[in-house]
Amino acid sequence: MPPVFRFAPSPNGYLHLGHALSALLNADMAKAAGGRLLLRIEDIDAARCRPDYEAAAYDDLRWLGFTWEEPVRRQSEHFAGYTAPLRKLEAMGLVYPSFESRADIAALSAGRDPDGAPLYPGTAKALSAAERDARIASGAPYALRLDMAAALARVPRLTWHETGAGPDGETGAVAADPAAWGDVILARKDAPTSYHLAVVADDAAQGVTDVVRGRDLFHATSVHRLLQALLGLPEPRYHHHRLLLDAHGRKLSKSTQATGLRELRGKGLTPRDIRRLAGLD
């Protein structure tokens, strides 16, 4: 079977030069390997994702010469499909609801995850089942979290195969460290899935064998490997590529007008120019 690659942007802004790097690198690697190339729209955040951004992404990608297999998988059309893996984790006793706000967690936390967000201290695990049910029945907002300690007790030492490189040059067999993320969110009252749960479910559903993405997601791979092991899902190969930075040394964002593909196109740049600017010549 040929390898399967995917590019998976979120339509919460216009694509920029960093997205071009990731899309074109996926296309180059798929072509070199004689593989398939998929496009996935990761639009689980209904508050920020917009149809006009999605339409603009298709337009920019076609202009770049990025071609993909149809149909495009849109996460918002598959919410029901995320229920089964969540229920499986619940049946294993690995999921519990928490009710604290972000401000509460910041005040309670004694550490931070690899993204710099306050670690959830697990205080809601002390609530009885009756107390949890009562709070949910009252309409209180809640998040469904993975009990990390209980999850790690079920799986052996985890690694992943890295063909790119991590922030400190990690490559080859990389040891996963899911515990660094604490009790991650799997779903919320108003959202049937989180990024972590959706991405592993989608990669498995689409038969993705090679995940090529930015180095900012290197550490998140530890959580993804844990969920794959718990749910019995296939393990893809991972390739984390360099990030393009702005003049201040920060990762490009969708609000960076100067590197937006629409703006660069408007200035008369060609797809070949974009490849050069992304360092792919």
Protein backbone atom coordinates (compact mmCIF):
# COMPACT_ATOMS: atom_id res chain seq x y z
CA MET A 1 0.00 0.00 0.00
CA PRO A 2 1.32 3.50 -0.81
CA PRO A 3 2.07 5.86 2.10
CA VAL A 4 -0.58 8.45 2.94
CA PHE A 5 0.26 12.06 3.80
CA ARG A 6 -2.10 14.84 4.86
CA PHE A 7 -2.11 18.62 5.22
CA ALA A 8 -4.61 19.75 7.86
CA PRO A 9 -5.11 23.52 8.26
CA SER A 10 -7.67 25.19 10.51
CA PRO A 11 -9.87 27.79 8.75
CA ASN A 12 -9.55 30.40 11.50
CA GLY A 13 -7.55 32.84 9.38
CA TYR A 14 -5.84 33.17 6.01
CA LEU A 15 -2.94 30.88 5.15
CA HIS A 16 0.57 32.31 5.47
CA LEU A 17 4.08 31.37 4.40
CA GLY A 18 4.42 28.84 7.22
CA HIS A 19 1.37 26.98 5.96
CA ALA A 20 2.87 26.99 2.46
CA LEU A 21 6.04 25.38 3.81
CA SER A 22 4.05 22.59 5.48
CA ALA A 23 1.72 22.01 2.53
CA LEU A 24 4.51 21.95 -0.04
CA LEU A 25 6.72 19.73 2.11
CA ASN A 26 3.86 17.25 2.45
CA ALA A 27 3.39 17.35 -1.33
CA ASP A 28 7.12 16.91 -2.02
CA MET A 29 7.46 13.98 0.39
CA ALA A 30 4.31 12.28 -0.91
CA LYS A 31 5.55 12.59 -4.49
CA ALA A 32 9.01 11.28 -3.61
CA ALA A 33 7.48 8.28 -1.82
CA GLY A 34 4.89 7.54 -4.49
CA GLY A 35 2.23 8.22 -1.89
CA ARG A 36 -1.23 9.74 -1.62
CA LEU A 37 -1.89 13.30 -0.47
CA LEU A 38 -5.00 14.26 1.50
CA LEU A 39 -6.43 17.58 2.66
CA ARG A 40 -8.27 17.79 6.00
CA ILE A 41 -10.03 20.87 7.33
CA GLU A 42 -9.72 20.98 11.12
CA ASP A 43 -12.73 23.12 11.99
CA ILE A 44 -13.83 21.85 15.39
CA ASP A 45 -13.59 25.40 16.82
CA ALA A 46 -16.92 26.72 15.59
CA ALA A 47 -16.37 30.12 17.23
CA ARG A 48 -13.23 30.91 15.21
CA CYS A 49 -13.51 28.88 11.99
CA ARG A 50 -15.26 30.59 9.08
CA PRO A 51 -16.40 29.43 5.62
CA ASP A 52 -14.64 32.34 3.90
CA TYR A 53 -11.30 31.32 5.42
CA GLU A 54 -11.89 27.75 4.23
CA ALA A 55 -12.71 28.91 0.69
CA ALA A 56 -9.61 31.12 0.70
CA ALA A 57 -7.45 28.17 1.78
CA TYR A 58 -8.64 26.10 -1.20
CA ASP A 59 -7.88 29.02 -3.50
CA ASP A 60 -4.40 29.62 -2.08
CA LEU A 61 -3.50 25.91 -2.17
CA ARG A 62 -4.61 25.52 -5.79
CA TRP A 63 -2.54 28.58 -6.71
CA LEU A 64 0.48 26.99 -5.04
CA GLY A 65 0.01 23.88 -7.18
CA PHE A 66 -0.97 21.76 -4.17
CA THR A 67 -3.37 19.04 -5.34
CA TRP A 68 -5.26 16.63 -3.11
CA GLU A 69 -7.62 13.69 -3.25
CA GLU A 70 -11.33 14.32 -2.93
CA PRO A 71 -13.39 14.39 -0.84
CA VAL A 72 -11.85 16.76 1.68
CA ARG A 73 -12.46 15.59 5.25
CA ARG A 74 -14.03 18.34 7.37
CA GLN A 75 -13.98 17.61 11.09
CA SER A 76 -17.27 19.42 11.68
CA GLU A 77 -18.97 16.78 9.51
CA HIS A 78 -17.66 13.92 11.64
CA PHE A 79 -18.48 14.94 15.22
CA ALA A 80 -20.47 11.73 15.73
CA GLY A 81 -17.35 9.74 14.86
CA TYR A 82 -15.47 11.09 17.86
CA THR A 83 -18.03 9.68 20.29
CA ALA A 84 -16.84 6.06 20.00
CA PRO A 85 -13.20 6.67 21.03
CA LEU A 86 -14.34 8.92 23.87
CA ARG A 87 -16.78 6.27 25.11
CA LYS A 88 -14.04 3.63 24.89
CA LEU A 89 -11.79 5.71 27.13
CA GLU A 90 -14.71 6.31 29.52
CA ALA A 91 -15.38 2.55 29.69
CA MET A 92 -11.74 2.09 30.70
CA GLY A 93 -12.28 4.48 33.62
CA LEU A 94 -9.88 7.06 32.17
CA VAL A 95 -12.17 10.07 31.75
CA TYR A 96 -13.56 12.49 34.33
CA PRO A 97 -15.25 15.91 34.22
CA SER A 98 -13.65 19.06 35.61
CA PHE A 99 -15.54 22.27 36.30
CA GLU A 100 -12.90 24.94 37.00
CA SER A 101 -12.55 28.00 34.77
CA ARG A 102 -9.26 28.93 33.11
CA ALA A 103 -8.73 31.54 35.83
CA ASP A 104 -9.34 28.90 38.51
CA ILE A 105 -6.81 26.56 36.92
CA ALA A 106 -4.20 29.32 36.63
CA ALA A 107 -4.61 30.03 40.35
CA LEU A 108 -4.44 26.35 41.32
CA SER A 109 -1.66 25.22 39.00
CA ALA A 110 1.87 24.54 40.18
CA GLY A 111 3.35 24.00 36.73
CA ARG A 112 2.96 24.45 32.97
CA ASP A 113 2.60 22.12 30.02
CA PRO A 114 4.98 22.17 26.99
CA ASP A 115 2.83 24.87 25.36
CA GLY A 116 3.21 27.07 28.45
CA ALA A 117 -0.39 26.72 29.66
CA PRO A 118 -1.09 26.06 33.36
CA LEU A 119 -1.25 22.37 34.21
CA TYR A 120 -4.56 21.17 35.57
CA PRO A 121 -3.92 19.86 39.13
CA GLY A 122 -6.61 17.17 38.99
CA THR A 123 -8.74 18.60 41.80
CA ALA A 124 -12.05 17.42 40.27
CA LYS A 125 -10.96 13.80 40.64
CA ALA A 126 -11.76 14.17 44.35
CA LEU A 127 -15.46 14.75 43.60
CA SER A 128 -17.80 11.84 44.07
CA ALA A 129 -19.77 10.47 41.14
CA ALA A 130 -22.92 11.97 42.63
CA GLU A 131 -21.33 15.41 42.91
CA ARG A 132 -20.12 15.26 39.31
CA ASP A 133 -23.54 14.16 38.04
CA ALA A 134 -25.27 16.92 40.01
CA ARG A 135 -23.01 19.62 38.57
CA ILE A 136 -23.51 18.38 35.03
CA ALA A 137 -27.28 18.16 35.56
CA SER A 138 -27.28 21.77 36.81
CA GLY A 139 -25.96 22.93 33.43
CA ALA A 140 -22.51 23.90 34.69
CA PRO A 141 -19.81 24.10 32.00
CA TYR A 142 -17.31 21.27 32.15
CA ALA A 143 -14.40 19.64 30.35
CA LEU A 144 -13.86 15.90 30.00
CA ARG A 145 -10.24 15.11 30.89
CA LEU A 146 -7.96 12.12 30.52
CA ASP A 147 -6.75 10.74 33.85
CA MET A 148 -3.10 10.74 32.85
CA ALA A 149 -1.77 8.67 35.75
CA ALA A 150 -4.37 5.96 35.19
CA ALA A 151 -3.77 6.01 31.44
CA LEU A 152 0.00 5.65 31.80
CA ALA A 153 -0.50 2.68 34.11
CA ARG A 154 -2.14 0.86 31.18
CA VAL A 155 0.52 1.32 28.51
CA PRO A 156 4.20 0.38 28.21
CA ARG A 157 6.95 2.87 27.53
CA LEU A 158 5.95 4.84 24.45
CA THR A 159 8.11 6.06 21.59
CA TRP A 160 7.54 7.37 18.09
CA HIS A 161 9.62 7.26 14.91
CA GLU A 162 10.77 10.76 14.01
CA THR A 163 12.15 11.40 10.53
CA GLY A 164 12.40 15.15 11.04
CA ALA A 165 13.76 16.74 14.19
CA GLY A 166 12.48 18.15 17.47
CA PRO A 167 13.38 21.50 19.06
CA ASP A 168 16.57 20.00 20.52
CA GLY A 169 17.42 17.94 17.46
CA GLU A 170 15.57 14.79 18.58
CA THR A 171 15.26 12.27 15.76
CA GLY A 172 14.89 8.53 15.22
CA ALA A 173 13.25 6.71 18.13
CA VAL A 174 11.94 9.46 20.41
CA ALA A 175 10.70 8.72 23.94
CA ALA A 176 7.18 10.05 24.50
CA ASP A 177 6.42 12.00 27.68
CA PRO A 178 2.63 12.37 27.91
CA ALA A 179 2.83 13.11 31.65
CA ALA A 180 4.27 16.55 30.82
CA TRP A 181 0.79 17.54 29.60
CA GLY A 182 -1.11 16.50 32.72
CA ASP A 183 -4.80 15.58 32.45
CA VAL A 184 -5.46 16.84 28.93
CA ILE A 185 -8.93 17.80 27.71
CA LEU A 186 -10.66 15.28 25.43
CA ALA A 187 -13.98 17.11 24.97
CA ARG A 188 -16.11 19.87 26.50
CA LYS A 189 -19.76 20.37 27.26
CA ASP A 190 -20.09 22.45 24.09
CA ALA A 191 -17.52 20.61 21.94
CA PRO A 192 -17.64 16.85 21.28
CA THR A 193 -13.89 16.52 20.83
CA SER A 194 -10.56 18.21 21.41
CA TYR A 195 -7.70 18.62 18.95
CA HIS A 196 -5.79 15.73 20.53
CA LEU A 197 -8.64 13.24 20.27
CA ALA A 198 -9.81 14.39 16.84
CA VAL A 199 -6.39 14.26 15.22
CA VAL A 200 -5.64 10.66 16.21
CA ALA A 201 -9.16 9.53 15.27
CA ASP A 202 -8.94 11.28 11.89
CA ASP A 203 -5.47 9.99 11.07
CA ALA A 204 -6.65 6.44 11.78
CA ALA A 205 -9.90 6.88 9.80
CA GLN A 206 -7.99 8.24 6.79
CA GLY A 207 -5.22 5.67 6.93
CA VAL A 208 -2.53 8.32 7.37
CA THR A 209 0.92 6.73 7.55
CA ASP A 210 3.10 9.87 7.59
CA VAL A 211 2.33 12.97 9.67
CA VAL A 212 4.36 15.93 8.41
CA ARG A 213 3.79 19.08 10.47
CA GLY A 214 5.50 21.97 12.24
CA ARG A 215 7.92 21.56 15.12
CA ASP A 216 5.48 23.42 17.40
CA LEU A 217 3.49 20.15 17.56
CA PHE A 218 6.50 17.95 18.37
CA HIS A 219 5.71 17.61 22.09
CA ALA A 220 1.98 17.07 21.43
CA THR A 221 2.98 13.83 19.69
CA SER A 222 3.46 12.32 23.17
CA VAL A 223 -0.27 12.72 23.86
CA HIS A 224 -1.16 11.41 20.42
CA ARG A 225 0.96 8.30 20.88
CA LEU A 226 -0.70 7.65 24.24
CA LEU A 227 -4.20 7.94 22.77
CA GLN A 228 -3.23 5.69 19.85
CA ALA A 229 -1.94 3.05 22.27
CA LEU A 230 -5.05 3.23 24.48
CA LEU A 231 -7.46 3.08 21.55
CA GLY A 232 -5.59 0.45 19.55
CA LEU A 233 -4.99 2.82 16.61
CA PRO A 234 -2.13 2.56 14.10
CA GLU A 235 1.07 4.51 14.74
CA PRO A 236 2.10 6.81 11.88
CA ARG A 237 5.63 7.99 11.19
CA TYR A 238 6.20 11.59 12.24
CA HIS A 239 8.22 14.31 10.56
CA HIS A 240 8.35 17.66 12.37
CA HIS A 241 9.78 20.42 10.23
CA ARG A 242 11.38 23.76 11.02
CA LEU A 243 9.18 26.78 11.67
CA LEU A 244 9.32 30.06 9.79
CA LEU A 245 9.77 32.95 12.22
CA ASP A 246 9.00 36.66 12.03
CA ALA A 247 11.48 39.48 12.55
CA HIS A 248 11.07 39.10 16.33
CA GLY A 249 11.83 35.38 16.30
CA ARG A 250 8.20 34.37 16.81
CA LYS A 251 6.30 31.67 14.90
CA LEU A 252 4.28 33.15 12.05
CA SER A 253 0.62 33.65 12.87
CA LYS A 254 -2.46 34.14 10.73
CA SER A 255 -2.51 37.80 11.74
CA THR A 256 0.92 38.39 10.16
CA GLN A 257 -0.13 40.36 7.10
CA ALA A 258 3.33 40.57 5.54
CA THR A 259 3.58 36.79 5.14
CA GLY A 260 -0.03 36.04 4.22
CA LEU A 261 -0.27 34.16 0.92
CA ARG A 262 -3.06 36.45 -0.28
CA GLU A 263 -0.88 39.50 0.36
CA LEU A 264 2.15 37.92 -1.31
CA ARG A 265 0.06 36.96 -4.33
CA GLY A 266 -1.25 40.51 -4.49
CA LYS A 267 2.33 41.79 -4.68
CA GLY A 268 2.92 39.70 -7.78
CA LEU A 269 4.87 36.82 -6.26
CA THR A 270 4.66 33.45 -8.01
CA PRO A 271 4.39 29.94 -6.54
CA ARG A 272 8.09 29.53 -7.34
CA ASP A 273 8.81 32.65 -5.26
CA ILE A 274 6.85 31.12 -2.38
CA ARG A 275 8.95 27.96 -2.56
CA ARG A 276 12.09 30.09 -2.42
CA LEU A 277 10.84 32.15 0.53
CA ALA A 278 9.89 28.95 2.36
CA GLY A 279 13.40 27.59 1.81
CA LEU A 280 12.30 24.73 -0.44
CA ASP A 281 14.39 25.53 -3.54
